[in-house]
């Protein structure tokens, strides 16, 4: 399971929404279990379903440029960053918007996700 998750090469975080699901599932499946303990059938089915969904990624294509308008000639360039957290994971994503001559384009820049316990802020 760990080998499968670590085989996903994603330096820009494009697959973060996908891979974080696998990492959360791994943590759920291995909590309280030792390395040699076989997984219950219900967990094996969940893992196998997630692993089978990897095949949908084989046809994915990623453009080399963020947007078709160069930032050096764009009239306006903006970076939009969004983030969210739950009790299971924290995630952030950044998009770049370029505008020139009435055209506007939005492109993916980077994404990150991390699973783990999220500390909630407690205010008096």
PDB file of N, CA and C in Angstrom:
ATOM      1  N   UNK A   1       0.828  -1.184   0.000  1.00  0.00           N
ATOM      2  CA  UNK A   1       0.000   0.000   0.000  1.00  0.00           C
ATOM      3  C   UNK A   1       0.879   1.258   0.000  1.00  0.00           C
ATOM      4  N   UNK A   2       1.884   1.238   0.860  1.00  0.00           N
ATOM      5  CA  UNK A   2       2.773   2.387   0.943  1.00  0.00           C
ATOM      6  C   UNK A   2       3.541   2.566  -0.356  1.00  0.00           C
ATOM      7  N   UNK A   3       3.948   1.472  -0.956  1.00  0.00           N
ATOM      8  CA  UNK A   3       4.674   1.522  -2.227  1.00  0.00           C
ATOM      9  C   UNK A   3       3.816   2.137  -3.325  1.00  0.00           C
ATOM     10  N   UNK A   4       2.555   1.780  -3.376  1.00  0.00           N
ATOM     11  CA  UNK A   4       1.645   2.321  -4.383  1.00  0.00           C
ATOM     12  C   UNK A   4       1.494   3.829  -4.207  1.00  0.00           C
ATOM     13  N   UNK A   5       1.275   4.274  -2.980  1.00  0.00           N
ATOM     14  CA  UNK A   5       1.120   5.711  -2.724  1.00  0.00           C
ATOM     15  C   UNK A   5       2.391   6.483  -3.043  1.00  0.00           C
ATOM     16  N   UNK A   6       3.527   5.931  -2.701  1.00  0.00           N
ATOM     17  CA  UNK A   6       4.787   6.633  -2.949  1.00  0.00           C
ATOM     18  C   UNK A   6       5.210   6.589  -4.407  1.00  0.00           C
ATOM     19  N   UNK A   7       4.559   5.771  -5.218  1.00  0.00           N
ATOM     20  CA  UNK A   7       4.902   5.705  -6.644  1.00  0.00           C
ATOM     21  C   UNK A   7       4.226   6.813  -7.455  1.00  0.00           C
ATOM     22  N   UNK A   8       3.336   7.574  -6.841  1.00  0.00           N
ATOM     23  CA  UNK A   8       2.649   8.661  -7.533  1.00  0.00           C
ATOM     24  C   UNK A   8       3.573   9.874  -7.536  1.00  0.00           C
ATOM     25  N   UNK A   9       4.082  10.218  -8.712  1.00  0.00           N
ATOM     26  CA  UNK A   9       4.985  11.369  -8.858  1.00  0.00           C
ATOM     27  C   UNK A   9       4.144  12.590  -9.188  1.00  0.00           C
ATOM     28  N   UNK A  10       4.127  13.554  -8.292  1.00  0.00           N
ATOM     29  CA  UNK A  10       3.261  14.723  -8.444  1.00  0.00           C
ATOM     30  C   UNK A  10       3.928  15.956  -7.834  1.00  0.00           C
ATOM     31  N   UNK A  11       4.993  16.459  -8.461  1.00  0.00           N
ATOM     32  CA  UNK A  11       5.716  17.576  -7.850  1.00  0.00           C
ATOM     33  C   UNK A  11       4.923  18.880  -7.760  1.00  0.00           C
ATOM     34  N   UNK A  12       3.925  19.078  -8.620  1.00  0.00           N
ATOM     35  CA  UNK A  12       3.149  20.320  -8.589  1.00  0.00           C
ATOM     36  C   UNK A  12       1.851  20.198  -7.796  1.00  0.00           C
ATOM     37  N   UNK A  13       1.530  19.005  -7.323  1.00  0.00           N
ATOM     38  CA  UNK A  13       0.339  18.833  -6.515  1.00  0.00           C
ATOM     39  C   UNK A  13      -0.955  18.745  -7.295  1.00  0.00           C
ATOM     40  N   UNK A  14      -0.864  18.472  -8.585  1.00  0.00           N
ATOM     41  CA  UNK A  14      -2.075  18.373  -9.398  1.00  0.00           C
ATOM     42  C   UNK A  14      -2.952  17.209  -8.939  1.00  0.00           C
ATOM     43  N   UNK A  15      -2.323  16.149  -8.492  1.00  0.00           N
ATOM     44  CA  UNK A  15      -3.065  14.961  -8.077  1.00  0.00           C
ATOM     45  C   UNK A  15      -3.353  14.930  -6.579  1.00  0.00           C
ATOM     46  N   UNK A  16      -3.087  16.023  -5.881  1.00  0.00           N
ATOM     47  CA  UNK A  16      -3.289  16.059  -4.429  1.00  0.00           C
ATOM     48  C   UNK A  16      -4.688  15.632  -3.986  1.00  0.00           C
ATOM     49  N   UNK A  17      -5.758  16.088  -4.640  1.00  0.00           N
ATOM     50  CA  UNK A  17      -7.084  15.635  -4.205  1.00  0.00           C
ATOM     51  C   UNK A  17      -7.255  14.121  -4.318  1.00  0.00           C
ATOM     52  N   UNK A  18      -6.568  13.533  -5.274  1.00  0.00           N
ATOM     53  CA  UNK A  18      -6.637  12.090  -5.470  1.00  0.00           C
ATOM     54  C   UNK A  18      -5.735  11.360  -4.472  1.00  0.00           C
ATOM     55  N   UNK A  19      -4.478  11.786  -4.372  1.00  0.00           N
ATOM     56  CA  UNK A  19      -3.525  11.069  -3.530  1.00  0.00           C
ATOM     57  C   UNK A  19      -3.837  11.214  -2.046  1.00  0.00           C
ATOM     58  N   UNK A  20      -4.400  12.341  -1.628  1.00  0.00           N
ATOM     59  CA  UNK A  20      -4.717  12.509  -0.217  1.00  0.00           C
ATOM     60  C   UNK A  20      -5.785  11.507   0.213  1.00  0.00           C
ATOM     61  N   UNK A  21      -6.688  11.160  -0.689  1.00  0.00           N
ATOM     62  CA  UNK A  21      -7.697  10.151  -0.364  1.00  0.00           C
ATOM     63  C   UNK A  21      -7.038   8.806  -0.079  1.00  0.00           C
ATOM     64  N   UNK A  22      -6.032   8.455  -0.875  1.00  0.00           N
ATOM     65  CA  UNK A  22      -5.301   7.213  -0.645  1.00  0.00           C
ATOM     66  C   UNK A  22      -4.529   7.239   0.659  1.00  0.00           C
ATOM     67  N   UNK A  23      -3.922   8.379   0.981  1.00  0.00           N
ATOM     68  CA  UNK A  23      -3.154   8.479   2.228  1.00  0.00           C
ATOM     69  C   UNK A  23      -4.068   8.425   3.460  1.00  0.00           C
ATOM     70  N   UNK A  24      -5.216   9.055   3.372  1.00  0.00           N
ATOM     71  CA  UNK A  24      -6.179   8.983   4.478  1.00  0.00           C
ATOM     72  C   UNK A  24      -6.663   7.550   4.644  1.00  0.00           C
ATOM     73  N   UNK A  25      -6.931   6.886   3.527  1.00  0.00           N
ATOM     74  CA  UNK A  25      -7.372   5.492   3.572  1.00  0.00           C
ATOM     75  C   UNK A  25      -6.287   4.605   4.174  1.00  0.00           C
ATOM     76  N   UNK A  26      -5.027   4.817   3.800  1.00  0.00           N
ATOM     77  CA  UNK A  26      -3.929   4.039   4.370  1.00  0.00           C
ATOM     78  C   UNK A  26      -3.868   4.215   5.879  1.00  0.00           C
ATOM     79  N   UNK A  27      -3.989   5.448   6.330  1.00  0.00           N
ATOM     80  CA  UNK A  27      -3.953   5.688   7.775  1.00  0.00           C
ATOM     81  C   UNK A  27      -5.127   4.996   8.469  1.00  0.00           C
ATOM     82  N   UNK A  28      -6.296   5.084   7.858  1.00  0.00           N
ATOM     83  CA  UNK A  28      -7.478   4.446   8.432  1.00  0.00           C
ATOM     84  C   UNK A  28      -7.300   2.923   8.496  1.00  0.00           C
ATOM     85  N   UNK A  29      -6.727   2.356   7.452  1.00  0.00           N
ATOM     86  CA  UNK A  29      -6.579   0.904   7.384  1.00  0.00           C
ATOM     87  C   UNK A  29      -5.509   0.367   8.313  1.00  0.00           C
ATOM     88  N   UNK A  30      -4.513   1.165   8.601  1.00  0.00           N
ATOM     89  CA  UNK A  30      -3.386   0.670   9.394  1.00  0.00           C
ATOM     90  C   UNK A  30      -3.392   1.141  10.833  1.00  0.00           C
ATOM     91  N   UNK A  31      -4.331   1.947  11.228  1.00  0.00           N
ATOM     92  CA  UNK A  31      -4.390   2.417  12.613  1.00  0.00           C
ATOM     93  C   UNK A  31      -4.671   1.233  13.530  1.00  0.00           C
ATOM     94  N   UNK A  32      -3.756   1.009  14.464  1.00  0.00           N
ATOM     95  CA  UNK A  32      -3.918  -0.075  15.428  1.00  0.00           C
ATOM     96  C   UNK A  32      -3.534  -1.443  14.906  1.00  0.00           C
ATOM     97  N   UNK A  33      -3.041  -1.526  13.680  1.00  0.00           N
ATOM     98  CA  UNK A  33      -2.653  -2.816  13.114  1.00  0.00           C
ATOM     99  C   UNK A  33      -1.138  -2.884  12.986  1.00  0.00           C
ATOM    100  N   UNK A  34      -0.598  -4.074  13.091  1.00  0.00           N
ATOM    101  CA  UNK A  34       0.834  -4.241  12.881  1.00  0.00           C
ATOM    102  C   UNK A  34       1.080  -4.535  11.398  1.00  0.00           C
ATOM    103  N   UNK A  35       2.351  -4.516  10.988  1.00  0.00           N
ATOM    104  CA  UNK A  35       2.697  -4.714   9.578  1.00  0.00           C
ATOM    105  C   UNK A  35       2.249  -6.077   9.058  1.00  0.00           C
ATOM    106  N   UNK A  36       2.220  -7.078   9.911  1.00  0.00           N
ATOM    107  CA  UNK A  36       1.910  -8.435   9.465  1.00  0.00           C
ATOM    108  C   UNK A  36       0.435  -8.797   9.588  1.00  0.00           C
ATOM    109  N   UNK A  37      -0.363  -7.900  10.139  1.00  0.00           N
ATOM    110  CA  UNK A  37      -1.789  -8.181  10.314  1.00  0.00           C
ATOM    111  C   UNK A  37      -2.517  -8.063   8.972  1.00  0.00           C
ATOM    112  N   UNK A  38      -3.194  -9.123   8.540  1.00  0.00           N
ATOM    113  CA  UNK A  38      -3.957  -9.021   7.283  1.00  0.00           C
ATOM    114  C   UNK A  38      -5.123  -8.034   7.429  1.00  0.00           C
ATOM    115  N   UNK A  39      -5.435  -7.344   6.350  1.00  0.00           N
ATOM    116  CA  UNK A  39      -6.544  -6.390   6.377  1.00  0.00           C
ATOM    117  C   UNK A  39      -7.871  -7.125   6.311  1.00  0.00           C
ATOM    118  N   UNK A  40      -8.863  -6.635   7.035  1.00  0.00           N
ATOM    119  CA  UNK A  40     -10.200  -7.209   6.879  1.00  0.00           C
ATOM    120  C   UNK A  40     -10.688  -7.011   5.440  1.00  0.00           C
ATOM    121  N   UNK A  41     -11.581  -7.865   5.010  1.00  0.00           N
ATOM    122  CA  UNK A  41     -12.093  -7.851   3.631  1.00  0.00           C
ATOM    123  C   UNK A  41     -12.696  -6.497   3.272  1.00  0.00           C
ATOM    124  N   UNK A  42     -13.444  -5.885   4.180  1.00  0.00           N
ATOM    125  CA  UNK A  42     -14.074  -4.590   3.867  1.00  0.00           C
ATOM    126  C   UNK A  42     -13.020  -3.531   3.550  1.00  0.00           C
ATOM    127  N   UNK A  43     -11.906  -3.537   4.286  1.00  0.00           N
ATOM    128  CA  UNK A  43     -10.827  -2.592   4.019  1.00  0.00           C
ATOM    129  C   UNK A  43     -10.087  -2.930   2.734  1.00  0.00           C
ATOM    130  N   UNK A  44      -9.917  -4.221   2.476  1.00  0.00           N
ATOM    131  CA  UNK A  44      -9.278  -4.628   1.219  1.00  0.00           C
ATOM    132  C   UNK A  44     -10.090  -4.132   0.032  1.00  0.00           C
ATOM    133  N   UNK A  45     -11.414  -4.205   0.143  1.00  0.00           N
ATOM    134  CA  UNK A  45     -12.285  -3.734  -0.947  1.00  0.00           C
ATOM    135  C   UNK A  45     -12.147  -2.232  -1.150  1.00  0.00           C
ATOM    136  N   UNK A  46     -12.081  -1.468  -0.066  1.00  0.00           N
ATOM    137  CA  UNK A  46     -11.894  -0.014  -0.182  1.00  0.00           C
ATOM    138  C   UNK A  46     -10.561   0.310  -0.854  1.00  0.00           C
ATOM    139  N   UNK A  47      -9.495  -0.376  -0.414  1.00  0.00           N
ATOM    140  CA  UNK A  47      -8.175  -0.122  -0.979  1.00  0.00           C
ATOM    141  C   UNK A  47      -8.137  -0.503  -2.455  1.00  0.00           C
ATOM    142  N   UNK A  48      -8.689  -1.667  -2.783  1.00  0.00           N
ATOM    143  CA  UNK A  48      -8.688  -2.119  -4.179  1.00  0.00           C
ATOM    144  C   UNK A  48      -9.481  -1.179  -5.079  1.00  0.00           C
ATOM    145  N   UNK A  49     -10.567  -0.614  -4.567  1.00  0.00           N
ATOM    146  CA  UNK A  49     -11.362   0.336  -5.358  1.00  0.00           C
ATOM    147  C   UNK A  49     -10.558   1.602  -5.613  1.00  0.00           C
ATOM    148  N   UNK A  50      -9.871   2.112  -4.585  1.00  0.00           N
ATOM    149  CA  UNK A  50      -9.051   3.307  -4.772  1.00  0.00           C
ATOM    150  C   UNK A  50      -7.902   3.023  -5.731  1.00  0.00           C
ATOM    151  N   UNK A  51      -7.257   1.886  -5.574  1.00  0.00           N
ATOM    152  CA  UNK A  51      -6.129   1.531  -6.439  1.00  0.00           C
ATOM    153  C   UNK A  51      -6.583   1.357  -7.888  1.00  0.00           C
ATOM    154  N   UNK A  52      -7.764   0.797  -8.098  1.00  0.00           N
ATOM    155  CA  UNK A  52      -8.292   0.629  -9.461  1.00  0.00           C
ATOM    156  C   UNK A  52      -8.568   1.981 -10.109  1.00  0.00           C
ATOM    157  N   UNK A  53      -8.873   2.990  -9.293  1.00  0.00           N
ATOM    158  CA  UNK A  53      -9.146   4.314  -9.853  1.00  0.00           C
ATOM    159  C   UNK A  53      -7.874   4.975 -10.391  1.00  0.00           C
ATOM    160  N   UNK A  54      -6.708   4.436 -10.080  1.00  0.00           N
ATOM    161  CA  UNK A  54      -5.452   4.959 -10.624  1.00  0.00           C
ATOM    162  C   UNK A  54      -5.423   4.894 -12.145  1.00  0.00           C
ATOM    163  N   UNK A  55      -6.112   3.937 -12.720  1.00  0.00           N
ATOM    164  CA  UNK A  55      -6.100   3.783 -14.180  1.00  0.00           C
ATOM    165  C   UNK A  55      -6.718   4.987 -14.883  1.00  0.00           C
ATOM    166  N   UNK A  56      -7.591   5.720 -14.197  1.00  0.00           N
ATOM    167  CA  UNK A  56      -8.201   6.902 -14.822  1.00  0.00           C
ATOM    168  C   UNK A  56      -7.189   8.031 -15.022  1.00  0.00           C
ATOM    169  N   UNK A  57      -6.036   7.949 -14.374  1.00  0.00           N
ATOM    170  CA  UNK A  57      -5.023   8.996 -14.482  1.00  0.00           C
ATOM    171  C   UNK A  57      -4.108   8.823 -15.688  1.00  0.00           C
ATOM    172  N   UNK A  58      -4.118   7.657 -16.306  1.00  0.00           N
ATOM    173  CA  UNK A  58      -3.158   7.388 -17.379  1.00  0.00           C
ATOM    174  C   UNK A  58      -3.353   8.274 -18.601  1.00  0.00           C
ATOM    175  N   UNK A  59      -4.544   8.759 -18.863  1.00  0.00           N
ATOM    176  CA  UNK A  59      -4.808   9.603 -20.029  1.00  0.00           C
ATOM    177  C   UNK A  59      -4.755  11.099 -19.707  1.00  0.00           C
ATOM    178  N   UNK A  60      -4.389  11.435 -18.499  1.00  0.00           N
ATOM    179  CA  UNK A  60      -4.359  12.834 -18.087  1.00  0.00           C
ATOM    180  C   UNK A  60      -3.204  13.563 -18.770  1.00  0.00           C
ATOM    181  N   UNK A  61      -3.505  14.746 -19.299  1.00  0.00           N
ATOM    182  CA  UNK A  61      -2.487  15.573 -19.936  1.00  0.00           C
ATOM    183  C   UNK A  61      -2.467  16.938 -19.263  1.00  0.00           C
ATOM    184  N   UNK A  62      -1.263  17.454 -19.069  1.00  0.00           N
ATOM    185  CA  UNK A  62      -1.091  18.722 -18.374  1.00  0.00           C
ATOM    186  C   UNK A  62      -0.365  19.682 -19.298  1.00  0.00           C
ATOM    187  N   UNK A  63      -0.953  20.849 -19.592  1.00  0.00           N
ATOM    188  CA  UNK A  63      -0.271  21.818 -20.456  1.00  0.00           C
ATOM    189  C   UNK A  63       0.977  22.366 -19.765  1.00  0.00           C
ATOM    190  N   UNK A  64       1.977  22.715 -20.555  1.00  0.00           N
ATOM    191  CA  UNK A  64       3.236  23.222 -20.011  1.00  0.00           C
ATOM    192  C   UNK A  64       3.090  24.644 -19.469  1.00  0.00           C
ATOM    193  N   UNK A  65       2.268  25.445 -20.099  1.00  0.00           N
ATOM    194  CA  UNK A  65       2.108  26.840 -19.675  1.00  0.00           C
ATOM    195  C   UNK A  65       0.938  26.962 -18.708  1.00  0.00           C
ATOM    196  N   UNK A  66       1.046  27.903 -17.774  1.00  0.00           N
ATOM    197  CA  UNK A  66      -0.056  28.162 -16.856  1.00  0.00           C
ATOM    198  C   UNK A  66      -1.270  28.670 -17.621  1.00  0.00           C
ATOM    199  N   UNK A  67      -1.050  29.657 -18.472  1.00  0.00           N
ATOM    200  CA  UNK A  67      -2.115  30.224 -19.300  1.00  0.00           C
ATOM    201  C   UNK A  67      -1.535  30.515 -20.680  1.00  0.00           C
ATOM    202  N   UNK A  68      -2.384  30.606 -21.713  1.00  0.00           N
ATOM    203  CA  UNK A  68      -1.860  30.866 -23.051  1.00  0.00           C
ATOM    204  C   UNK A  68      -1.352  32.297 -23.252  1.00  0.00           C
ATOM    205  N   UNK A  69      -1.674  33.199 -22.321  1.00  0.00           N
ATOM    206  CA  UNK A  69      -1.192  34.582 -22.402  1.00  0.00           C
ATOM    207  C   UNK A  69       0.068  34.698 -21.542  1.00  0.00           C
ATOM    208  N   UNK A  70       1.152  35.155 -22.117  1.00  0.00           N
ATOM    209  CA  UNK A  70       2.397  35.323 -21.375  1.00  0.00           C
ATOM    210  C   UNK A  70       2.220  36.397 -20.305  1.00  0.00           C
ATOM    211  N   UNK A  71       2.808  36.159 -19.152  1.00  0.00           N
ATOM    212  CA  UNK A  71       2.705  37.151 -18.076  1.00  0.00           C
ATOM    213  C   UNK A  71       3.440  38.445 -18.420  1.00  0.00           C
ATOM    214  N   UNK A  72       4.392  38.375 -19.344  1.00  0.00           N
ATOM    215  CA  UNK A  72       5.136  39.589 -19.703  1.00  0.00           C
ATOM    216  C   UNK A  72       4.326  40.524 -20.601  1.00  0.00           C
ATOM    217  N   UNK A  73       3.317  40.017 -21.293  1.00  0.00           N
ATOM    218  CA  UNK A  73       2.505  40.877 -22.152  1.00  0.00           C
ATOM    219  C   UNK A  73       1.077  41.052 -21.644  1.00  0.00           C
ATOM    220  N   UNK A  74       0.720  40.339 -20.583  1.00  0.00           N
ATOM    221  CA  UNK A  74      -0.634  40.445 -20.037  1.00  0.00           C
ATOM    222  C   UNK A  74      -0.851  41.821 -19.405  1.00  0.00           C
ATOM    223  N   UNK A  75      -2.064  42.336 -19.556  1.00  0.00           N
ATOM    224  CA  UNK A  75      -2.410  43.615 -18.949  1.00  0.00           C
ATOM    225  C   UNK A  75      -2.596  43.485 -17.439  1.00  0.00           C
ATOM    226  N   UNK A  76      -3.049  42.323 -16.998  1.00  0.00           N
ATOM    227  CA  UNK A  76      -3.312  42.096 -15.583  1.00  0.00           C
ATOM    228  C   UNK A  76      -2.985  40.640 -15.253  1.00  0.00           C
ATOM    229  N   UNK A  77      -2.240  40.431 -14.193  1.00  0.00           N
ATOM    230  CA  UNK A  77      -1.907  39.081 -13.723  1.00  0.00           C
ATOM    231  C   UNK A  77      -2.258  39.010 -12.244  1.00  0.00           C
ATOM    232  N   UNK A  78      -3.032  38.000 -11.868  1.00  0.00           N
ATOM    233  CA  UNK A  78      -3.421  37.822 -10.472  1.00  0.00           C
ATOM    234  C   UNK A  78      -3.161  36.385 -10.058  1.00  0.00           C
ATOM    235  N   UNK A  79      -2.762  36.205  -8.818  1.00  0.00           N
ATOM    236  CA  UNK A  79      -2.580  34.878  -8.245  1.00  0.00           C
ATOM    237  C   UNK A  79      -3.662  34.686  -7.194  1.00  0.00           C
ATOM    238  N   UNK A  80      -4.441  33.641  -7.340  1.00  0.00           N
ATOM    239  CA  UNK A  80      -5.536  33.341  -6.411  1.00  0.00           C
ATOM    240  C   UNK A  80      -5.179  32.072  -5.646  1.00  0.00           C
ATOM    241  N   UNK A  81      -5.199  32.148  -4.321  1.00  0.00           N
ATOM    242  CA  UNK A  81      -4.865  31.010  -3.476  1.00  0.00           C
ATOM    243  C   UNK A  81      -6.075  30.680  -2.607  1.00  0.00           C
ATOM    244  N   UNK A  82      -6.429  29.415  -2.611  1.00  0.00           N
ATOM    245  CA  UNK A  82      -7.553  28.933  -1.814  1.00  0.00           C
ATOM    246  C   UNK A  82      -7.043  27.831  -0.899  1.00  0.00           C
ATOM    247  N   UNK A  83      -7.581  27.771   0.310  1.00  0.00           N
ATOM    248  CA  UNK A  83      -7.199  26.694   1.215  1.00  0.00           C
ATOM    249  C   UNK A  83      -8.412  26.265   2.023  1.00  0.00           C
ATOM    250  N   UNK A  84      -8.314  25.045   2.531  1.00  0.00           N
ATOM    251  CA  UNK A  84      -9.411  24.493   3.315  1.00  0.00           C
ATOM    252  C   UNK A  84      -8.832  23.421   4.234  1.00  0.00           C
ATOM    253  N   UNK A  85      -9.540  23.141   5.299  1.00  0.00           N
ATOM    254  CA  UNK A  85      -9.094  22.122   6.241  1.00  0.00           C
ATOM    255  C   UNK A  85     -10.290  21.379   6.799  1.00  0.00           C
ATOM    256  N   UNK A  86     -10.055  20.157   7.149  1.00  0.00           N
ATOM    257  CA  UNK A  86     -11.052  19.353   7.848  1.00  0.00           C
ATOM    258  C   UNK A  86     -10.327  18.620   8.967  1.00  0.00           C
ATOM    259  N   UNK A  87     -11.016  17.742   9.645  1.00  0.00           N
ATOM    260  CA  UNK A  87     -10.349  16.967  10.682  1.00  0.00           C
ATOM    261  C   UNK A  87      -9.409  15.933  10.078  1.00  0.00           C
ATOM    262  N   UNK A  88      -9.534  15.665   8.773  1.00  0.00           N
ATOM    263  CA  UNK A  88      -8.713  14.649   8.128  1.00  0.00           C
ATOM    264  C   UNK A  88      -7.534  15.211   7.347  1.00  0.00           C
ATOM    265  N   UNK A  89      -7.672  16.412   6.794  1.00  0.00           N
ATOM    266  CA  UNK A  89      -6.621  16.928   5.914  1.00  0.00           C
ATOM    267  C   UNK A  89      -6.666  18.447   5.821  1.00  0.00           C
ATOM    268  N   UNK A  90      -5.548  18.987   5.332  1.00  0.00           N
ATOM    269  CA  UNK A  90      -5.415  20.408   5.030  1.00  0.00           C
ATOM    270  C   UNK A  90      -4.980  20.501   3.576  1.00  0.00           C
ATOM    271  N   UNK A  91      -5.548  21.442   2.814  1.00  0.00           N
ATOM    272  CA  UNK A  91      -5.198  21.552   1.403  1.00  0.00           C
ATOM    273  C   UNK A  91      -5.160  23.011   0.977  1.00  0.00           C
ATOM    274  N   UNK A  92      -4.323  23.281  -0.030  1.00  0.00           N
ATOM    275  CA  UNK A  92      -4.236  24.615  -0.612  1.00  0.00           C
ATOM    276  C   UNK A  92      -3.989  24.472  -2.105  1.00  0.00           C
ATOM    277  N   UNK A  93      -4.500  25.423  -2.872  1.00  0.00           N
ATOM    278  CA  UNK A  93      -4.307  25.415  -4.318  1.00  0.00           C
ATOM    279  C   UNK A  93      -4.135  26.856  -4.789  1.00  0.00           C
ATOM    280  N   UNK A  94      -3.306  27.034  -5.823  1.00  0.00           N
ATOM    281  CA  UNK A  94      -3.065  28.370  -6.374  1.00  0.00           C
ATOM    282  C   UNK A  94      -3.358  28.356  -7.871  1.00  0.00           C
ATOM    283  N   UNK A  95      -4.060  29.382  -8.332  1.00  0.00           N
ATOM    284  CA  UNK A  95      -4.378  29.578  -9.741  1.00  0.00           C
ATOM    285  C   UNK A  95      -3.873  30.947 -10.171  1.00  0.00           C
ATOM    286  N   UNK A  96      -3.461  31.061 -11.422  1.00  0.00           N
ATOM    287  CA  UNK A  96      -3.043  32.341 -11.973  1.00  0.00           C
ATOM    288  C   UNK A  96      -4.073  32.771 -13.019  1.00  0.00           C
ATOM    289  N   UNK A  97      -4.481  34.029 -12.936  1.00  0.00           N
ATOM    290  CA  UNK A  97      -5.409  34.596 -13.912  1.00  0.00           C
ATOM    291  C   UNK A  97      -4.679  35.680 -14.693  1.00  0.00           C
ATOM    292  N   UNK A  98      -4.740  35.571 -16.014  1.00  0.00           N
ATOM    293  CA  UNK A  98      -4.145  36.600 -16.870  1.00  0.00           C
ATOM    294  C   UNK A  98      -5.250  37.217 -17.717  1.00  0.00           C
ATOM    295  N   UNK A  99      -5.144  38.523 -17.934  1.00  0.00           N
ATOM    296  CA  UNK A  99      -6.107  39.247 -18.771  1.00  0.00           C
ATOM    297  C   UNK A  99      -5.347  40.084 -19.779  1.00  0.00           C
ATOM    298  N   UNK A 100      -5.826  40.049 -21.023  1.00  0.00           N
ATOM    299  CA  UNK A 100      -5.209  40.850 -22.079  1.00  0.00           C
ATOM    300  C   UNK A 100      -6.196  40.986 -23.226  1.00  0.00           C
ATOM    301  N   UNK A 101      -6.463  42.209 -23.630  1.00  0.00           N
ATOM    302  CA  UNK A 101      -7.348  42.456 -24.764  1.00  0.00           C
ATOM    303  C   UNK A 101      -8.732  41.863 -24.627  1.00  0.00           C
ATOM    304  N   UNK A 102      -9.298  41.870 -23.446  1.00  0.00           N
ATOM    305  CA  UNK A 102     -10.632  41.324 -23.235  1.00  0.00           C
ATOM    306  C   UNK A 102     -10.652  39.827 -22.988  1.00  0.00           C
ATOM    307  N   UNK A 103      -9.529  39.136 -23.189  1.00  0.00           N
ATOM    308  CA  UNK A 103      -9.445  37.700 -22.921  1.00  0.00           C
ATOM    309  C   UNK A 103      -8.958  37.477 -21.494  1.00  0.00           C
ATOM    310  N   UNK A 104      -9.545  36.512 -20.853  1.00  0.00           N
ATOM    311  CA  UNK A 104      -9.141  36.146 -19.501  1.00  0.00           C
ATOM    312  C   UNK A 104      -8.913  34.638 -19.463  1.00  0.00           C
ATOM    313  N   UNK A 105      -7.818  34.224 -18.864  1.00  0.00           N
ATOM    314  CA  UNK A 105      -7.501  32.807 -18.754  1.00  0.00           C
ATOM    315  C   UNK A 105      -7.072  32.490 -17.333  1.00  0.00           C
ATOM    316  N   UNK A 106      -7.467  31.328 -16.873  1.00  0.00           N
ATOM    317  CA  UNK A 106      -7.097  30.873 -15.539  1.00  0.00           C
ATOM    318  C   UNK A 106      -6.360  29.556 -15.686  1.00  0.00           C
ATOM    319  N   UNK A 107      -5.218  29.436 -14.993  1.00  0.00           N
ATOM    320  CA  UNK A 107      -4.428  28.218 -15.061  1.00  0.00           C
ATOM    321  C   UNK A 107      -3.969  27.764 -13.690  1.00  0.00           C
ATOM    322  N   UNK A 108      -3.864  26.465 -13.536  1.00  0.00           N
ATOM    323  CA  UNK A 108      -3.400  25.850 -12.299  1.00  0.00           C
ATOM    324  C   UNK A 108      -1.914  26.136 -12.114  1.00  0.00           C
ATOM    325  N   UNK A 109      -1.519  26.558 -10.922  1.00  0.00           N
ATOM    326  CA  UNK A 109      -0.113  26.816 -10.620  1.00  0.00           C
ATOM    327  C   UNK A 109       0.445  25.714  -9.729  1.00  0.00           C
ATOM    328  N   UNK A 110      -0.216  25.472  -8.601  1.00  0.00           N
ATOM    329  CA  UNK A 110       0.308  24.502  -7.655  1.00  0.00           C
ATOM    330  C   UNK A 110      -0.745  24.119  -6.631  1.00  0.00           C
ATOM    331  N   UNK A 111      -0.649  22.925  -6.119  1.00  0.00           N
ATOM    332  CA  UNK A 111      -1.545  22.465  -5.074  1.00  0.00           C
ATOM    333  C   UNK A 111      -0.783  21.650  -4.054  1.00  0.00           C
ATOM    334  N   UNK A 112      -1.251  21.637  -2.845  1.00  0.00           N
ATOM    335  CA  UNK A 112      -0.645  20.836  -1.787  1.00  0.00           C
ATOM    336  C   UNK A 112      -1.748  20.321  -0.875  1.00  0.00           C
ATOM    337  N   UNK A 113      -1.521  19.139  -0.344  1.00  0.00           N
ATOM    338  CA  UNK A 113      -2.446  18.571   0.625  1.00  0.00           C
ATOM    339  C   UNK A 113      -1.639  17.787   1.644  1.00  0.00           C
ATOM    340  N   UNK A 114      -2.084  17.812   2.867  1.00  0.00           N
ATOM    341  CA  UNK A 114      -1.416  17.083   3.929  1.00  0.00           C
ATOM    342  C   UNK A 114      -2.482  16.505   4.835  1.00  0.00           C
ATOM    343  N   UNK A 115      -2.332  15.233   5.139  1.00  0.00           N
ATOM    344  CA  UNK A 115      -3.283  14.648   6.059  1.00  0.00           C
ATOM    345  C   UNK A 115      -2.683  14.671   7.446  1.00  0.00           C
ATOM    346  N   UNK A 116      -3.532  14.558   8.397  1.00  0.00           N
ATOM    347  CA  UNK A 116      -3.085  14.581   9.785  1.00  0.00           C
ATOM    348  C   UNK A 116      -4.138  15.249  10.622  1.00  0.00           C
ATOM    349  N   UNK A 117      -3.893  15.244  11.894  1.00  0.00           N
ATOM    350  CA  UNK A 117      -4.876  15.869  12.763  1.00  0.00           C
ATOM    351  C   UNK A 117      -4.751  17.381  12.629  1.00  0.00           C
ATOM    352  N   UNK A 118      -5.857  18.021  12.477  1.00  0.00           N
ATOM    353  CA  UNK A 118      -5.909  19.474  12.344  1.00  0.00           C
ATOM    354  C   UNK A 118      -6.296  20.042  13.695  1.00  0.00           C
ATOM    355  N   UNK A 119      -5.500  20.947  14.181  1.00  0.00           N
ATOM    356  CA  UNK A 119      -5.794  21.578  15.467  1.00  0.00           C
ATOM    357  C   UNK A 119      -6.799  22.693  15.267  1.00  0.00           C
ATOM    358  N   UNK A 120      -7.843  22.666  16.018  1.00  0.00           N
ATOM    359  CA  UNK A 120      -8.845  23.729  15.933  1.00  0.00           C
ATOM    360  C   UNK A 120      -8.463  24.853  16.889  1.00  0.00           C
ATOM    361  N   UNK A 121      -8.652  26.038  16.439  1.00  0.00           N
ATOM    362  CA  UNK A 121      -8.372  27.198  17.288  1.00  0.00           C
ATOM    363  C   UNK A 121      -9.509  27.359  18.286  1.00  0.00           C
ATOM    364  N   UNK A 122      -9.153  27.576  19.518  1.00  0.00           N
ATOM    365  CA  UNK A 122     -10.155  27.801  20.562  1.00  0.00           C
ATOM    366  C   UNK A 122     -10.004  29.238  21.040  1.00  0.00           C
ATOM    367  N   UNK A 123     -11.047  30.000  20.872  1.00  0.00           N
ATOM    368  CA  UNK A 123     -11.017  31.395  21.264  1.00  0.00           C
ATOM    369  C   UNK A 123     -11.836  31.569  22.531  1.00  0.00           C
ATOM    370  N   UNK A 124     -11.351  32.433  23.421  1.00  0.00           N
ATOM    371  CA  UNK A 124     -12.102  32.660  24.669  1.00  0.00           C
ATOM    372  C   UNK A 124     -13.438  33.310  24.431  1.00  0.00           C
TER     373      UNK A 124
END
